[in-house]
N, C-alpha and C. Protein backbone atom coordinates (compact mmCIF):
# COMPACT_ATOMS: atom_id res chain seq x y z
N MET A 1 -226.66 -52.95 -89.52
CA MET A 1 -226.55 -54.00 -88.52
C MET A 1 -226.53 -53.37 -87.13
N ARG A 2 -227.26 -53.97 -86.23
CA ARG A 2 -227.39 -53.43 -84.88
C ARG A 2 -226.19 -53.83 -84.02
N GLU A 3 -225.64 -52.90 -83.27
CA GLU A 3 -224.52 -53.15 -82.38
C GLU A 3 -225.02 -53.80 -81.08
N PRO A 4 -224.33 -54.80 -80.55
CA PRO A 4 -224.75 -55.37 -79.25
C PRO A 4 -224.48 -54.37 -78.14
N SER A 5 -225.27 -54.45 -77.11
CA SER A 5 -225.08 -53.54 -75.98
C SER A 5 -223.78 -53.89 -75.26
N LEU A 6 -223.23 -52.90 -74.60
CA LEU A 6 -221.97 -53.10 -73.89
C LEU A 6 -222.18 -53.54 -72.44
N LEU A 7 -223.41 -53.90 -72.11
CA LEU A 7 -223.67 -54.36 -70.76
C LEU A 7 -223.03 -55.73 -70.55
N PRO A 8 -222.39 -55.92 -69.43
CA PRO A 8 -221.78 -57.23 -69.17
C PRO A 8 -222.83 -58.29 -68.90
N VAL A 9 -222.48 -59.50 -69.20
CA VAL A 9 -223.40 -60.61 -68.97
C VAL A 9 -223.43 -60.98 -67.50
N PHE A 10 -222.27 -61.00 -66.86
CA PHE A 10 -222.18 -61.38 -65.45
C PHE A 10 -221.59 -60.21 -64.67
N GLY A 11 -222.35 -59.60 -63.81
CA GLY A 11 -221.85 -58.55 -62.95
C GLY A 11 -221.72 -57.22 -63.67
N LYS A 12 -221.04 -56.29 -63.04
CA LYS A 12 -220.86 -54.95 -63.60
C LYS A 12 -219.39 -54.75 -63.92
N LEU A 13 -219.11 -54.05 -64.99
CA LEU A 13 -217.73 -53.74 -65.34
C LEU A 13 -217.21 -52.64 -64.43
N GLY A 14 -215.95 -52.73 -64.10
CA GLY A 14 -215.32 -51.68 -63.32
C GLY A 14 -215.55 -51.78 -61.83
N THR A 15 -216.26 -52.78 -61.36
CA THR A 15 -216.46 -52.92 -59.92
C THR A 15 -215.64 -54.09 -59.41
N LYS A 16 -215.14 -53.94 -58.23
CA LYS A 16 -214.36 -55.01 -57.63
C LYS A 16 -215.29 -56.04 -57.02
N PRO A 17 -214.95 -57.33 -57.13
CA PRO A 17 -215.81 -58.34 -56.51
C PRO A 17 -215.73 -58.24 -55.00
N SER A 18 -216.83 -58.51 -54.35
CA SER A 18 -216.84 -58.46 -52.90
C SER A 18 -216.02 -59.61 -52.34
N VAL A 19 -215.32 -59.33 -51.28
CA VAL A 19 -214.46 -60.33 -50.66
C VAL A 19 -215.28 -61.08 -49.62
N ALA A 20 -215.29 -62.39 -49.74
CA ALA A 20 -216.04 -63.20 -48.78
C ALA A 20 -215.24 -63.31 -47.49
N VAL A 21 -215.90 -63.05 -46.40
CA VAL A 21 -215.26 -63.14 -45.09
C VAL A 21 -215.58 -64.51 -44.53
N LYS A 22 -214.54 -65.26 -44.22
CA LYS A 22 -214.72 -66.61 -43.71
C LYS A 22 -214.75 -66.56 -42.19
N ALA A 23 -215.85 -66.99 -41.63
CA ALA A 23 -215.99 -67.02 -40.18
C ALA A 23 -215.37 -68.31 -39.66
N THR A 24 -214.45 -68.18 -38.72
CA THR A 24 -213.83 -69.36 -38.14
C THR A 24 -214.29 -69.48 -36.70
N PRO A 25 -214.68 -70.66 -36.28
CA PRO A 25 -215.10 -70.82 -34.89
C PRO A 25 -213.92 -70.71 -33.94
N ALA A 26 -214.22 -70.42 -32.70
CA ALA A 26 -213.17 -70.22 -31.70
C ALA A 26 -212.41 -71.51 -31.43
N ALA A 27 -213.04 -72.67 -31.63
CA ALA A 27 -212.39 -73.94 -31.34
C ALA A 27 -211.30 -74.28 -32.34
N SER A 28 -211.28 -73.59 -33.48
CA SER A 28 -210.30 -73.92 -34.50
C SER A 28 -208.91 -73.37 -34.18
N THR A 29 -208.75 -72.68 -33.08
CA THR A 29 -207.44 -72.15 -32.74
C THR A 29 -206.55 -73.21 -32.11
N GLY A 30 -207.10 -74.36 -31.80
CA GLY A 30 -206.35 -75.41 -31.12
C GLY A 30 -205.80 -76.44 -32.09
N ILE A 31 -206.26 -77.65 -31.92
CA ILE A 31 -205.72 -78.79 -32.65
C ILE A 31 -206.02 -78.73 -34.14
N VAL A 32 -207.18 -78.15 -34.49
CA VAL A 32 -207.56 -78.10 -35.90
C VAL A 32 -206.58 -77.26 -36.70
N SER A 33 -206.21 -76.11 -36.18
CA SER A 33 -205.28 -75.25 -36.90
C SER A 33 -203.89 -75.88 -36.97
N ARG A 34 -203.50 -76.59 -35.91
CA ARG A 34 -202.20 -77.26 -35.95
C ARG A 34 -202.20 -78.40 -36.95
N LEU A 35 -203.31 -79.16 -37.02
CA LEU A 35 -203.41 -80.23 -38.02
C LEU A 35 -203.42 -79.67 -39.43
N ARG A 36 -204.14 -78.57 -39.63
CA ARG A 36 -204.19 -77.94 -40.95
C ARG A 36 -202.80 -77.46 -41.37
N GLU A 37 -202.06 -76.88 -40.44
CA GLU A 37 -200.70 -76.41 -40.74
C GLU A 37 -199.77 -77.59 -41.03
N ALA A 38 -199.91 -78.67 -40.26
CA ALA A 38 -199.07 -79.85 -40.48
C ALA A 38 -199.37 -80.49 -41.83
N MET A 39 -200.64 -80.54 -42.21
CA MET A 39 -200.99 -81.12 -43.51
C MET A 39 -200.50 -80.23 -44.66
N ALA A 40 -200.51 -78.93 -44.45
CA ALA A 40 -200.00 -78.04 -45.49
C ALA A 40 -198.50 -78.21 -45.65
N THR A 41 -197.82 -78.48 -44.55
CA THR A 41 -196.36 -78.64 -44.60
C THR A 41 -195.95 -80.03 -45.05
N HIS A 42 -196.58 -81.05 -44.48
CA HIS A 42 -196.17 -82.43 -44.72
C HIS A 42 -197.24 -83.25 -45.43
N GLY A 43 -198.08 -82.63 -46.23
CA GLY A 43 -199.19 -83.33 -46.86
C GLY A 43 -198.75 -84.42 -47.81
N GLY A 44 -197.71 -84.16 -48.61
CA GLY A 44 -197.23 -85.16 -49.56
C GLY A 44 -196.68 -86.38 -48.88
N MET A 45 -195.92 -86.17 -47.82
CA MET A 45 -195.35 -87.28 -47.07
C MET A 45 -196.44 -88.09 -46.38
N ALA A 46 -197.45 -87.41 -45.83
CA ALA A 46 -198.55 -88.11 -45.18
C ALA A 46 -199.33 -88.96 -46.19
N LEU A 47 -199.51 -88.45 -47.38
CA LEU A 47 -200.20 -89.22 -48.42
C LEU A 47 -199.40 -90.46 -48.80
N LYS A 48 -198.09 -90.31 -48.98
CA LYS A 48 -197.25 -91.46 -49.32
C LYS A 48 -197.26 -92.51 -48.22
N LEU A 49 -197.16 -92.07 -46.98
CA LEU A 49 -197.16 -93.02 -45.87
C LEU A 49 -198.51 -93.72 -45.72
N SER A 50 -199.60 -93.01 -45.97
CA SER A 50 -200.90 -93.66 -45.87
C SER A 50 -201.10 -94.68 -46.99
N VAL A 51 -200.58 -94.42 -48.19
CA VAL A 51 -200.67 -95.38 -49.29
C VAL A 51 -199.83 -96.62 -48.97
N ILE A 52 -198.65 -96.41 -48.40
CA ILE A 52 -197.79 -97.54 -48.02
C ILE A 52 -198.46 -98.38 -46.93
N ALA A 53 -199.03 -97.72 -45.93
CA ALA A 53 -199.70 -98.45 -44.84
C ALA A 53 -200.90 -99.23 -45.36
N TRP A 54 -201.68 -98.63 -46.27
CA TRP A 54 -202.84 -99.31 -46.84
C TRP A 54 -202.40 -100.53 -47.65
N THR A 55 -201.31 -100.39 -48.42
CA THR A 55 -200.81 -101.51 -49.22
C THR A 55 -200.34 -102.65 -48.33
N ILE A 56 -199.62 -102.33 -47.26
CA ILE A 56 -199.15 -103.37 -46.34
C ILE A 56 -200.34 -104.05 -45.67
N LEU A 57 -201.36 -103.29 -45.31
CA LEU A 57 -202.55 -103.87 -44.69
C LEU A 57 -203.25 -104.83 -45.64
N VAL A 58 -203.40 -104.45 -46.89
CA VAL A 58 -204.06 -105.32 -47.87
C VAL A 58 -203.23 -106.57 -48.12
N LEU A 59 -201.94 -106.42 -48.31
CA LEU A 59 -201.08 -107.57 -48.56
C LEU A 59 -201.04 -108.51 -47.35
N GLY A 60 -201.02 -107.94 -46.15
CA GLY A 60 -201.05 -108.77 -44.94
C GLY A 60 -202.35 -109.53 -44.81
N THR A 61 -203.46 -108.88 -45.14
CA THR A 61 -204.76 -109.55 -45.09
C THR A 61 -204.81 -110.71 -46.08
N VAL A 62 -204.33 -110.48 -47.29
CA VAL A 62 -204.31 -111.54 -48.30
C VAL A 62 -203.41 -112.69 -47.85
N PHE A 63 -202.26 -112.38 -47.28
CA PHE A 63 -201.34 -113.41 -46.82
C PHE A 63 -201.99 -114.29 -45.75
N PHE A 64 -202.62 -113.67 -44.75
CA PHE A 64 -203.23 -114.44 -43.67
C PHE A 64 -204.45 -115.22 -44.14
N MET A 65 -205.16 -114.69 -45.13
CA MET A 65 -206.30 -115.44 -45.67
C MET A 65 -205.83 -116.66 -46.46
N MET A 66 -204.69 -116.54 -47.13
CA MET A 66 -204.16 -117.67 -47.89
C MET A 66 -203.62 -118.74 -46.94
N GLN A 67 -203.13 -118.35 -45.77
CA GLN A 67 -202.61 -119.31 -44.79
C GLN A 67 -203.73 -120.13 -44.16
N GLY A 68 -204.89 -119.54 -43.98
CA GLY A 68 -206.00 -120.20 -43.30
C GLY A 68 -206.76 -121.02 -44.20
């Protein structure tokens, strides 16, 4: 019976994968980075508040449509 070759299917064995360098534009040092940091810190709370606001908006719309 023939032995399969030891060549890897994807890439080479024993080599480290190249690290992708992410280029960030100069404008991202301002509000974008602060928003990204705020979302990383308070993302769960922002999601809960947006769901609550959306629910109140939908219920308010239904209420006013039923009144008219």
